[in-house]
N, C-alpha and C. Protein backbone atom coordinates (compact mmCIF):
# COMPACT_ATOMS: atom_id res chain seq x y z
N MET A 1 1.11 -1.37 0.04
CA MET A 1 0.03 -0.13 -0.48
C MET A 1 1.24 1.04 -0.19
N ASP A 2 0.16 2.39 -0.45
CA ASP A 2 1.24 3.16 -0.51
C ASP A 2 0.80 4.56 -0.17
N LYS A 3 1.62 4.80 0.72
CA LYS A 3 1.67 5.65 2.03
C LYS A 3 -0.02 6.69 1.77
N ALA A 4 -0.21 6.77 0.95
CA ALA A 4 -1.81 8.05 0.83
C ALA A 4 -2.98 6.23 1.49
N SER A 5 -3.21 5.05 0.66
CA SER A 5 -4.32 5.16 1.80
C SER A 5 -3.58 4.25 2.89
N VAL A 6 -2.85 3.83 3.01
CA VAL A 6 -1.92 3.52 4.37
C VAL A 6 -2.76 5.03 5.58
N ARG A 7 -2.08 6.08 5.28
CA ARG A 7 -2.96 7.24 5.66
C ARG A 7 -4.21 7.26 5.58
N ALA A 8 -6.04 6.95 4.98
CA ALA A 8 -6.59 7.61 4.91
C ALA A 8 -7.15 6.33 6.21
N MET A 9 -6.34 5.09 5.75
CA MET A 9 -7.43 3.46 6.49
C MET A 9 -6.49 4.55 8.04
N VAL A 10 -6.00 4.22 8.53
CA VAL A 10 -5.68 4.56 10.03
C VAL A 10 -6.84 5.60 10.76
N ILE A 11 -7.28 7.30 9.61
CA ILE A 11 -7.81 8.01 9.82
C ILE A 11 -9.16 7.83 9.99
N LYS A 12 -9.58 6.73 8.86
CA LYS A 12 -10.72 6.02 8.90
C LYS A 12 -11.15 4.76 10.21
N LYS A 13 -9.97 4.32 10.88
CA LYS A 13 -10.05 3.32 11.71
C LYS A 13 -10.75 3.75 13.19
N VAL A 14 -9.13 4.81 12.35
CA VAL A 14 -9.42 5.74 14.97
C VAL A 14 -10.26 6.79 14.76
N VAL A 15 -11.32 7.27 13.84
CA VAL A 15 -12.71 7.72 13.57
C VAL A 15 -13.12 6.82 14.20
N ASP A 16 -13.47 6.04 13.32
CA ASP A 16 -14.99 4.88 13.61
C ASP A 16 -14.44 3.90 15.12
N GLU A 17 -13.12 3.89 15.48
CA GLU A 17 -13.03 2.84 16.60
C GLU A 17 -13.40 3.90 18.09
N LEU A 18 -12.83 4.61 18.14
CA LEU A 18 -12.71 5.95 18.83
C LEU A 18 -13.29 6.63 19.10
N TYR A 19 -14.46 7.03 18.40
CA TYR A 19 -15.29 8.43 18.05
C TYR A 19 -14.80 9.28 17.92
N LEU A 20 -13.99 9.63 17.25
CA LEU A 20 -13.39 10.97 17.06
C LEU A 20 -13.41 11.50 16.14
N ASP A 21 -13.50 12.81 15.84
CA ASP A 21 -13.54 14.29 15.46
C ASP A 21 -11.99 13.06 13.95
N GLU A 22 -12.69 13.24 12.98
CA GLU A 22 -12.19 13.74 12.32
C GLU A 22 -10.56 14.33 11.63
N GLN A 23 -11.34 15.39 11.38
CA GLN A 23 -10.33 16.94 11.60
C GLN A 23 -9.77 16.89 12.73
N PHE A 24 -9.88 16.26 14.15
CA PHE A 24 -8.79 15.95 14.71
C PHE A 24 -7.32 15.08 14.64
N VAL A 25 -8.02 13.82 14.04
CA VAL A 25 -7.36 13.05 14.17
C VAL A 25 -6.28 13.26 12.74
N THR A 26 -6.91 14.09 12.13
CA THR A 26 -5.87 14.54 10.82
C THR A 26 -4.81 15.11 10.77
N GLU A 27 -5.19 16.40 12.27
CA GLU A 27 -4.13 17.03 12.67
C GLU A 27 -2.91 16.23 13.57
N GLN A 28 -3.27 15.08 14.50
CA GLN A 28 -2.45 14.47 14.58
C GLN A 28 -1.59 13.60 13.83
N ILE A 29 -2.32 13.03 12.66
CA ILE A 29 -1.06 11.53 11.76
C ILE A 29 -0.74 13.57 10.98
N ASP A 30 -1.36 14.58 11.42
CA ASP A 30 0.16 15.09 10.49
C ASP A 30 1.13 15.88 10.98
N ALA A 31 1.39 16.05 13.04
CA ALA A 31 2.37 16.59 13.55
C ALA A 31 3.04 15.11 14.16
N MET A 32 2.30 14.13 13.88
CA MET A 32 3.08 12.42 13.71
C MET A 32 4.54 11.95 12.29
N GLU A 33 3.23 12.28 11.27
CA GLU A 33 4.16 13.04 9.93
C GLU A 33 5.52 12.86 9.88
N LYS A 34 5.48 14.89 11.07
CA LYS A 34 6.55 15.71 11.09
C LYS A 34 8.05 15.27 11.70
N GLU A 35 7.50 14.80 13.21
CA GLU A 35 7.70 13.70 13.56
C GLU A 35 9.15 12.95 13.56
N LEU A 36 7.70 11.93 13.00
CA LEU A 36 8.51 10.79 12.12
C LEU A 36 9.21 10.42 10.59
N GLY A 37 8.76 11.27 9.29
CA GLY A 37 8.68 10.90 8.55
C GLY A 37 8.11 10.08 7.88
N ASP A 38 8.31 9.12 7.30
CA ASP A 38 8.05 7.77 6.61
C ASP A 38 7.93 7.20 7.57
N ASP A 39 8.88 7.02 8.48
CA ASP A 39 8.57 5.75 9.36
C ASP A 39 7.09 5.32 10.59
N LEU A 40 6.77 6.91 10.19
CA LEU A 40 5.30 6.65 11.30
C LEU A 40 4.42 5.55 10.17
N TYR A 41 5.11 5.12 8.35
CA TYR A 41 3.81 4.45 8.15
C TYR A 41 4.59 3.04 7.68
N GLY A 42 5.06 2.55 8.89
CA GLY A 42 5.79 1.12 8.99
C GLY A 42 4.32 0.59 9.09
N ARG A 43 4.81 -0.89 9.97
CA ARG A 43 3.70 -2.72 10.56
C ARG A 43 3.12 -1.84 11.17
N ASP A 44 4.01 -0.65 12.73
CA ASP A 44 2.19 -0.50 13.06
C ASP A 44 1.67 0.71 13.77
N THR A 45 1.79 1.31 12.03
CA THR A 45 1.27 2.38 12.26
C THR A 45 0.16 2.54 13.06
N ILE A 46 -0.93 1.48 13.00
CA ILE A 46 -2.32 2.55 13.62
C ILE A 46 -2.35 2.06 15.28
N ALA A 47 -1.32 0.93 15.61
CA ALA A 47 -0.64 0.94 17.00
C ALA A 47 0.03 2.44 17.43
N GLU A 48 0.74 2.78 16.80
CA GLU A 48 0.76 4.34 17.12
C GLU A 48 -0.10 5.74 17.09
N VAL A 49 -0.40 5.71 15.84
CA VAL A 49 -1.07 7.02 15.76
C VAL A 49 -2.55 6.68 16.91
N VAL A 50 -2.77 5.18 17.63
CA VAL A 50 -4.09 4.84 19.10
C VAL A 50 -3.32 5.09 20.06
N ALA A 51 -1.81 4.80 20.31
CA ALA A 51 -1.78 5.49 21.27
C ALA A 51 -0.85 6.61 20.98
N ARG A 52 -1.47 7.77 19.93
CA ARG A 52 -1.03 9.17 20.54
C ARG A 52 -2.41 9.51 20.76
N MET A 53 -3.35 8.89 20.12
CA MET A 53 -4.68 9.79 20.72
C MET A 53 -4.79 9.09 21.98
N LEU A 54 -4.98 8.32 22.72
CA LEU A 54 -5.16 7.62 24.13
C LEU A 54 -4.05 8.80 24.98
N ASP A 55 -2.76 8.49 24.55
CA ASP A 55 -2.44 9.51 25.25
C ASP A 55 -2.99 10.75 25.45
N ILE A 56 -3.68 11.60 24.40
CA ILE A 56 -4.22 12.78 24.37
C ILE A 56 -5.55 13.49 25.27
N MET A 57 -6.79 11.53 24.98
CA MET A 57 -7.67 11.41 25.31
C MET A 57 -7.56 11.55 26.85
N ASP A 58 -5.54 11.15 27.63
CA ASP A 58 -5.36 10.97 28.74
C ASP A 58 -5.11 11.72 29.87
N ASP A 59 -5.54 13.00 28.66
CA ASP A 59 -4.73 14.45 29.68
C ASP A 59 -6.80 14.80 30.41
N VAL A 60 -6.00 15.31 31.51
CA VAL A 60 -7.55 16.00 31.79
C VAL A 60 -8.03 17.18 31.65
N GLU A 61 -7.59 17.87 30.50
CA GLU A 61 -7.70 18.40 30.17
C GLU A 61 -8.20 18.77 28.21
N TRP A 62 -8.75 17.18 28.00
CA TRP A 62 -8.84 16.51 27.16
C TRP A 62 -10.69 17.16 26.35
N SER A 63 -11.37 17.30 25.84
CA SER A 63 -12.38 16.44 25.73
C SER A 63 -12.36 16.39 23.86
N SER A 64 -13.91 15.79 24.67
CA SER A 64 -14.48 15.80 23.48
C SER A 64 -15.54 16.26 22.63
N ASP A 65 -15.55 16.32 21.09
CA ASP A 65 -16.62 17.01 21.31
C ASP A 65 -18.11 15.94 20.53
N LYS A 66 -17.30 14.60 21.19
CA LYS A 66 -18.71 13.61 20.56
C LYS A 66 -19.46 12.98 21.90
N SER A 67 -19.21 13.33 23.27
CA SER A 67 -19.17 13.79 24.55
C SER A 67 -20.74 13.26 24.57
N GLY A 68 -21.50 12.90 23.89
CA GLY A 68 -23.07 13.32 23.56
C GLY A 68 -23.44 12.23 23.40
N LEU A 69 -22.86 11.73 22.64
CA LEU A 69 -23.60 9.35 21.74
C LEU A 69 -24.09 8.72 22.86
N VAL A 70 -24.17 9.50 24.23
CA VAL A 70 -24.52 8.28 25.14
C VAL A 70 -25.78 9.43 25.98
N ASP A 71 -26.13 10.47 25.28
CA ASP A 71 -27.13 10.85 25.42
C ASP A 71 -28.24 10.80 24.32
N LYS A 72 -28.07 9.67 23.57
CA LYS A 72 -28.34 9.49 22.51
C LYS A 72 -29.50 7.76 22.37
N PRO A 73 -30.78 7.74 22.04
CA PRO A 73 -31.39 6.53 22.05
C PRO A 73 -30.28 5.50 21.50
N VAL A 74 -30.35 4.54 21.40
CA VAL A 74 -30.27 3.06 20.55
C VAL A 74 -31.83 2.93 20.08
N LYS A 75 -31.33 2.57 18.35
CA LYS A 75 -32.33 2.60 17.77
C LYS A 75 -32.58 1.21 17.63
N LYS A 76 -33.84 0.39 17.78
CA LYS A 76 -34.92 -0.26 17.59
C LYS A 76 -35.02 -0.82 17.15
N VAL A 77 -34.14 -2.47 16.21
CA VAL A 77 -34.82 -2.93 14.49
C VAL A 77 -35.84 -3.74 15.14
N ASN A 78 -36.94 -3.68 14.02
CA ASN A 78 -38.07 -5.29 14.60
C ASN A 78 -37.74 -5.97 13.82
């Protein structure tokens, strides 16, 4: 896979699995690219990005704009 494909896959996976804003995830990946360069796109790319996101989320001053998800009712299927 080329870098662009890996990047798109990682963004989608992190947004879907951690319920984070796509812009936030993209900004973090941009910062990681500046820091790590092509080394970011190795075998453990998703793990590295998720670890960085979890570190950010663990910060007591961080808040998600999707925190209201728990207030939404669950859709029932007949």
